[in-house]
Amino acid sequence: MSTNAIKIDHILCPTDLSMRSQLTLHFASGLASQLKAKLTACHFSPTVWLAAGYGLGGKRNEIEQQMAQTITAGRNGSAPRYAASVFENSVDTARDILDLTKETAADLIVMKSRKGVASALHYGSMVERITRGSAVPVLLLPTNFLDSHTEEKNLNFRQVLFDYDFSEATDQLFPFAMVLTEGFNANLHLLTVLEPPHAGALEEVRSRDLLQNATKQRLEHLAESELNLSLNSTAAVEWGKHAETVLKYAENNEIDLICTTLPPAYFYYEKLYCAYLGQLLQSAKCPILALRSV
């Protein structure tokens, strides 16, 4: 695994022009400047059925100017290279965003996420469909974060948490996390969460200790072999429920970015009510970089 082949050159940020969505675009602009990447802002206007002469008309230019002003405001000449595109008569906005991601060869999607499991990973929701359907990572800005950072000028990742489970998906996400860690000269926390066994026999407790120690050694080896020597890193292995443990670690260590992959939802109930990402987005106070499982 190597981070050298990965570079975030193009960021895509959809906006519905709401206050939180425009704030997300503002943060995406700062991120693009920090990484020296191009930013494409996009707005999809839904089809208005049965309306005579529907269409944006002159509002197209107004929307493009509104996005451009959000991207450049307060940058003092440091705004990233950008494009602002408006698309009319969108029937399936999630699919249109995914198609545009492929067409523009974007390396990263940045978007807001409303608070609540029902809107975070509800079957068929915008966030669920884009995150599950995207081949590139999606940087999600939860409501808790946006509502508490309305005056922030830029994202500032000082403490980055990587939720590592040694899967192929985490190996694919890790280089992207490293680009952000190195780009902000942040401290990296490698965390592996182990689900606790149901039984409490002494033999199982010993097995847990052996597994925990072996897993931590693997994380430390990963840090030694893959990380830039100039970066500070911490390796930790904890027992507990996945989302709860990640959120607790993030709070205790003042994490600014959580990087994680999405475990597959095997049952509809799990997807609708107990989705891992949905639980994170419900309570997280920082952005979440997510990549679908492969």
Protein backbone atom coordinates (compact mmCIF):
# COMPACT_ATOMS: atom_id res chain seq x y z
CA MET A 1 0.00 0.00 0.00
CA SER A 2 1.43 3.38 -0.98
CA THR A 3 0.18 6.94 -0.71
CA ASN A 4 2.41 8.18 -3.53
CA ALA A 5 -0.01 7.19 -6.28
CA ILE A 6 -2.92 9.04 -4.68
CA LYS A 7 -3.53 12.74 -5.12
CA ILE A 8 -6.71 14.73 -4.66
CA ASP A 9 -6.71 16.93 -7.77
CA HIS A 10 -10.45 17.45 -8.23
CA ILE A 11 -13.20 17.92 -5.65
CA LEU A 12 -16.93 17.81 -6.44
CA CYS A 13 -19.37 19.58 -4.14
CA PRO A 14 -23.13 19.46 -4.81
CA THR A 15 -25.27 22.18 -3.26
CA ASP A 16 -29.02 22.64 -2.91
CA LEU A 17 -28.37 26.33 -2.09
CA SER A 18 -29.57 25.98 1.52
CA MET A 19 -27.56 27.64 4.30
CA ARG A 20 -25.88 24.40 5.40
CA SER A 21 -25.24 23.32 1.84
CA GLN A 22 -23.60 26.64 0.97
CA LEU A 23 -21.53 26.45 4.15
CA THR A 24 -20.39 23.02 2.99
CA LEU A 25 -19.39 24.54 -0.35
CA HIS A 26 -17.44 27.20 1.54
CA PHE A 27 -15.52 24.50 3.42
CA ALA A 28 -14.96 22.58 0.18
CA SER A 29 -13.44 25.73 -1.32
CA GLY A 30 -10.99 26.03 1.55
CA LEU A 31 -10.11 22.35 1.30
CA ALA A 32 -9.47 22.66 -2.43
CA SER A 33 -7.19 25.65 -1.79
CA GLN A 34 -5.30 23.73 0.89
CA LEU A 35 -4.77 20.74 -1.41
CA LYS A 36 -4.26 22.86 -4.56
CA ALA A 37 -7.12 21.00 -6.20
CA LYS A 38 -9.81 22.11 -8.63
CA LEU A 39 -13.33 22.50 -7.25
CA THR A 40 -16.52 21.83 -9.18
CA ALA A 41 -19.69 23.13 -7.55
CA CYS A 42 -22.94 21.74 -8.94
CA HIS A 43 -26.63 22.34 -8.43
CA PHE A 44 -29.33 20.06 -9.76
CA SER A 45 -32.75 21.62 -10.27
CA PRO A 46 -35.48 18.97 -10.04
CA THR A 47 -38.13 18.52 -12.68
CA VAL A 48 -41.35 20.39 -12.00
CA TRP A 49 -44.02 18.08 -13.35
CA LEU A 50 -47.11 19.45 -15.04
CA ALA A 51 -45.87 23.03 -14.81
CA ALA A 52 -46.30 25.12 -17.92
CA GLY A 53 -43.05 26.60 -19.18
CA TYR A 54 -41.03 25.32 -16.25
CA GLY A 55 -37.32 25.86 -16.25
CA LEU A 56 -34.75 28.02 -14.54
CA GLY A 57 -34.56 30.67 -17.23
CA GLY A 58 -32.58 33.66 -15.95
CA LYS A 59 -32.15 32.03 -12.53
CA ARG A 60 -29.39 29.83 -13.96
CA ASN A 61 -26.94 32.75 -14.01
CA GLU A 62 -28.03 33.82 -10.53
CA ILE A 63 -27.39 30.35 -9.14
CA GLU A 64 -23.98 30.13 -10.82
CA GLN A 65 -23.04 33.54 -9.39
CA GLN A 66 -24.26 32.50 -5.95
CA MET A 67 -22.04 29.40 -6.01
CA ALA A 68 -19.08 31.41 -7.33
CA GLN A 69 -19.47 34.01 -4.57
CA THR A 70 -19.52 31.28 -1.92
CA ILE A 71 -16.35 29.74 -3.35
CA THR A 72 -14.40 33.00 -3.58
CA ALA A 73 -15.74 34.93 -0.56
CA GLY A 74 -13.01 35.87 1.90
CA ARG A 75 -10.29 34.08 -0.03
CA ASN A 76 -8.35 37.26 -0.88
CA GLY A 77 -7.04 35.85 -4.13
CA SER A 78 -6.43 32.35 -2.73
CA ALA A 79 -9.61 30.78 -4.11
CA PRO A 80 -9.08 27.47 -5.92
CA ARG A 81 -9.61 26.87 -9.61
CA TYR A 82 -13.29 26.21 -9.89
CA ALA A 83 -16.28 25.59 -12.11
CA ALA A 84 -19.93 26.17 -11.19
CA SER A 85 -22.49 24.11 -13.08
CA VAL A 86 -26.30 24.12 -12.97
CA PHE A 87 -28.33 21.19 -14.29
CA GLU A 88 -32.06 21.45 -14.96
CA ASN A 89 -34.81 18.86 -14.81
CA SER A 90 -33.01 16.36 -12.60
CA VAL A 91 -35.21 13.33 -11.97
CA ASP A 92 -32.66 11.38 -9.90
CA THR A 93 -30.24 13.80 -8.23
CA ALA A 94 -28.16 11.11 -6.50
CA ARG A 95 -27.59 9.29 -9.80
CA ASP A 96 -26.80 12.60 -11.54
CA ILE A 97 -24.18 13.44 -8.91
CA LEU A 98 -22.56 10.02 -9.28
CA ASP A 99 -22.56 10.35 -13.07
CA LEU A 100 -20.98 13.81 -12.85
CA THR A 101 -18.33 12.42 -10.50
CA LYS A 102 -17.32 9.95 -13.20
CA GLU A 103 -17.55 12.45 -16.06
CA THR A 104 -15.33 15.00 -14.31
CA ALA A 105 -12.96 12.35 -12.88
CA ALA A 106 -13.42 13.82 -9.41
CA ASP A 107 -11.26 12.32 -6.67
CA LEU A 108 -13.46 13.34 -3.75
CA ILE A 109 -17.09 14.31 -3.10
CA VAL A 110 -17.85 16.82 -0.34
CA MET A 111 -21.43 17.14 0.84
CA LYS A 112 -23.57 17.91 3.89
CA SER A 113 -25.48 15.28 5.81
CA ARG A 114 -28.62 15.97 7.76
CA LYS A 115 -28.83 14.85 11.35
CA GLY A 116 -30.59 11.59 12.13
CA VAL A 117 -30.33 7.95 11.20
CA ALA A 118 -33.44 8.21 9.04
CA SER A 119 -31.80 10.82 6.83
CA ALA A 120 -28.26 9.53 7.15
CA LEU A 121 -28.54 6.01 5.82
CA HIS A 122 -32.25 5.58 5.26
CA TYR A 123 -32.86 3.24 2.36
CA GLY A 124 -32.83 5.38 -0.77
CA SER A 125 -31.64 8.61 0.89
CA MET A 126 -29.24 10.95 -0.89
CA VAL A 127 -26.32 10.27 1.45
CA GLU A 128 -26.87 6.51 1.44
CA ARG A 129 -27.11 6.27 -2.34
CA ILE A 130 -24.13 8.51 -3.08
CA THR A 131 -21.86 6.97 -0.44
CA ARG A 132 -22.81 3.42 -1.42
CA GLY A 133 -22.58 4.17 -5.13
CA SER A 134 -19.43 6.26 -5.28
CA ALA A 135 -16.10 4.71 -6.26
CA VAL A 136 -14.30 7.66 -4.62
CA PRO A 137 -14.39 8.72 -0.96
CA VAL A 138 -17.15 11.02 0.26
CA LEU A 139 -16.41 13.70 2.85
CA LEU A 140 -19.61 14.18 4.85
CA LEU A 141 -20.18 17.26 6.99
CA PRO A 142 -22.77 16.36 9.68
CA THR A 143 -25.32 18.81 11.01
CA ASN A 144 -23.63 18.92 14.42
CA PHE A 145 -20.42 20.09 12.79
CA LEU A 146 -21.99 22.65 10.45
CA ASP A 147 -24.16 24.21 13.14
CA SER A 148 -21.17 24.68 15.46
CA HIS A 149 -18.72 25.97 12.84
CA THR A 150 -20.69 28.67 11.07
CA GLU A 151 -17.91 31.21 11.69
CA GLU A 152 -14.99 28.99 10.71
CA LYS A 153 -13.00 30.15 7.71
CA ASN A 154 -11.63 26.76 6.72
CA LEU A 155 -11.49 23.14 7.73
CA ASN A 156 -8.59 22.45 10.06
CA PHE A 157 -7.70 18.79 10.53
CA ARG A 158 -5.29 18.57 13.45
CA GLN A 159 -6.24 15.14 14.77
CA VAL A 160 -7.27 12.51 12.19
CA LEU A 161 -8.80 9.19 13.24
CA PHE A 162 -8.59 6.23 10.87
CA ASP A 163 -10.96 3.40 11.73
CA TYR A 164 -8.85 0.49 10.46
CA ASP A 165 -10.25 -3.03 10.06
CA PHE A 166 -7.58 -4.49 7.72
CA SER A 167 -10.09 -4.93 4.90
CA GLU A 168 -9.52 -4.19 1.23
CA ALA A 169 -11.75 -1.12 1.55
CA THR A 170 -9.65 0.35 4.36
CA ASP A 171 -6.52 -0.26 2.30
CA GLN A 172 -8.12 1.76 -0.51
CA LEU A 173 -9.22 4.58 1.80
CA PHE A 174 -5.96 4.82 3.74
CA PRO A 175 -3.99 6.70 1.04
CA PHE A 176 -6.75 9.34 0.80
CA ALA A 177 -6.69 9.75 4.57
CA MET A 178 -2.93 10.17 4.38
CA VAL A 179 -3.26 12.91 1.77
CA LEU A 180 -5.47 14.86 4.18
CA THR A 181 -3.27 14.06 7.19
CA GLU A 182 -0.13 15.20 5.41
CA GLY A 183 -1.88 18.17 3.77
CA PHE A 184 -2.80 19.54 7.19
CA ASN A 185 0.28 18.22 9.01
CA ALA A 186 -2.09 16.48 11.40
CA ASN A 187 -1.59 13.77 14.00
CA LEU A 188 -2.89 10.37 12.87
CA HIS A 189 -4.74 7.98 15.17
CA LEU A 190 -5.05 4.38 13.97
CA LEU A 191 -7.93 2.66 15.74
CA THR A 192 -9.20 -0.90 15.40
CA VAL A 193 -12.47 -1.77 17.12
CA LEU A 194 -13.02 -5.38 18.17
CA GLU A 195 -16.54 -6.56 18.96
CA PRO A 196 -16.69 -8.11 22.46
CA PRO A 197 -17.60 -11.81 22.79
CA HIS A 198 -20.86 -12.69 24.51
CA ALA A 199 -19.35 -15.18 26.95
CA GLY A 200 -17.10 -14.15 29.82
CA ALA A 201 -14.99 -17.23 30.46
CA LEU A 202 -11.40 -16.72 31.59
CA GLU A 203 -10.12 -18.45 28.47
CA GLU A 204 -12.01 -15.96 26.32
CA VAL A 205 -10.62 -13.04 28.31
CA ARG A 206 -7.11 -14.34 27.65
CA SER A 207 -7.97 -14.78 23.97
CA ARG A 208 -9.21 -11.20 23.89
CA ASP A 209 -5.93 -9.95 25.33
CA LEU A 210 -3.93 -11.97 22.80
CA LEU A 211 -6.06 -10.71 19.93
CA GLN A 212 -5.85 -7.13 21.14
CA ASN A 213 -2.06 -7.28 21.46
CA ALA A 214 -1.65 -8.95 18.06
CA THR A 215 -3.90 -6.37 16.40
CA LYS A 216 -2.02 -3.48 17.98
CA GLN A 217 1.26 -4.92 16.73
CA ARG A 218 -0.19 -5.00 13.19
CA LEU A 219 -1.27 -1.36 13.50
CA GLU A 220 2.15 -0.33 14.79
CA HIS A 221 3.82 -2.20 11.92
CA LEU A 222 1.52 -0.39 9.50
CA ALA A 223 2.49 2.94 11.02
CA GLU A 224 6.19 2.15 10.79
CA SER A 225 6.06 0.94 7.18
CA GLU A 226 3.56 3.33 5.60
CA LEU A 227 3.60 6.65 7.39
CA ASN A 228 5.71 9.69 6.70
CA LEU A 229 8.41 9.85 9.37
CA SER A 230 7.54 13.51 10.01
CA LEU A 231 4.01 12.60 11.13
CA ASN A 232 2.98 11.72 14.65
CA SER A 233 0.84 8.59 14.94
CA THR A 234 -0.94 6.63 17.65
CA ALA A 235 -2.13 3.03 17.42
CA ALA A 236 -5.01 1.81 19.58
CA VAL A 237 -7.18 -1.31 19.79
CA GLU A 238 -10.42 -1.19 21.76
CA TRP A 239 -13.29 -3.55 22.52
CA GLY A 240 -16.86 -2.37 22.14
CA LYS A 241 -19.69 -1.61 19.77
CA HIS A 242 -18.31 -0.15 16.57
CA ALA A 243 -20.00 3.24 16.27
CA GLU A 244 -20.10 3.91 20.01
CA THR A 245 -16.41 3.12 20.41
CA VAL A 246 -15.35 5.29 17.46
CA LEU A 247 -17.44 8.22 18.68
CA LYS A 248 -16.11 7.91 22.25
CA TYR A 249 -12.51 7.77 21.01
CA ALA A 250 -13.13 10.79 18.78
CA GLU A 251 -14.53 12.81 21.67
CA ASN A 252 -11.80 11.84 24.12
CA ASN A 253 -9.03 12.70 21.66
CA GLU A 254 -10.56 15.85 20.10
CA ILE A 255 -10.63 14.26 16.65
CA ASP A 256 -11.25 16.64 13.72
CA LEU A 257 -11.79 14.00 11.02
CA ILE A 258 -13.03 10.41 11.16
CA CYS A 259 -12.01 8.15 8.25
CA THR A 260 -14.01 4.95 7.92
CA THR A 261 -15.38 2.40 5.49
CA LEU A 262 -18.95 1.16 5.34
CA PRO A 263 -19.59 -2.43 6.38
CA PRO A 264 -22.26 -4.03 4.18
CA ALA A 265 -25.79 -4.02 5.56
CA TYR A 266 -27.02 -7.60 5.33
CA PHE A 267 -30.61 -6.97 6.34
CA TYR A 268 -33.08 -4.22 5.60
CA TYR A 269 -33.60 -3.62 9.34
CA GLU A 270 -29.87 -3.14 9.84
CA LYS A 271 -29.70 -0.73 6.93
CA LEU A 272 -32.70 1.31 8.01
CA TYR A 273 -32.26 1.56 11.76
CA CYS A 274 -28.84 0.31 12.83
CA ALA A 275 -26.57 1.52 10.03
CA TYR A 276 -23.04 2.19 11.26
CA LEU A 277 -22.61 5.41 9.29
CA GLY A 278 -26.05 6.56 10.35
CA GLN A 279 -25.03 6.26 14.00
CA LEU A 280 -21.86 8.22 13.36
CA LEU A 281 -23.67 11.01 11.54
CA GLN A 282 -26.25 11.22 14.33
CA SER A 283 -23.65 12.18 16.95
CA ALA A 284 -20.33 13.06 15.29
CA LYS A 285 -19.04 16.58 15.88
CA CYS A 286 -16.52 16.44 13.06
CA PRO A 287 -16.48 15.57 9.32
CA ILE A 288 -16.45 11.93 8.23
CA LEU A 289 -14.50 10.60 5.27
CA ALA A 290 -16.32 7.47 4.09
CA LEU A 291 -15.75 4.87 1.39
CA ARG A 292 -18.05 1.99 0.46
CA SER A 293 -17.03 -1.58 1.14
CA VAL A 294 -15.75 -3.54 -1.85
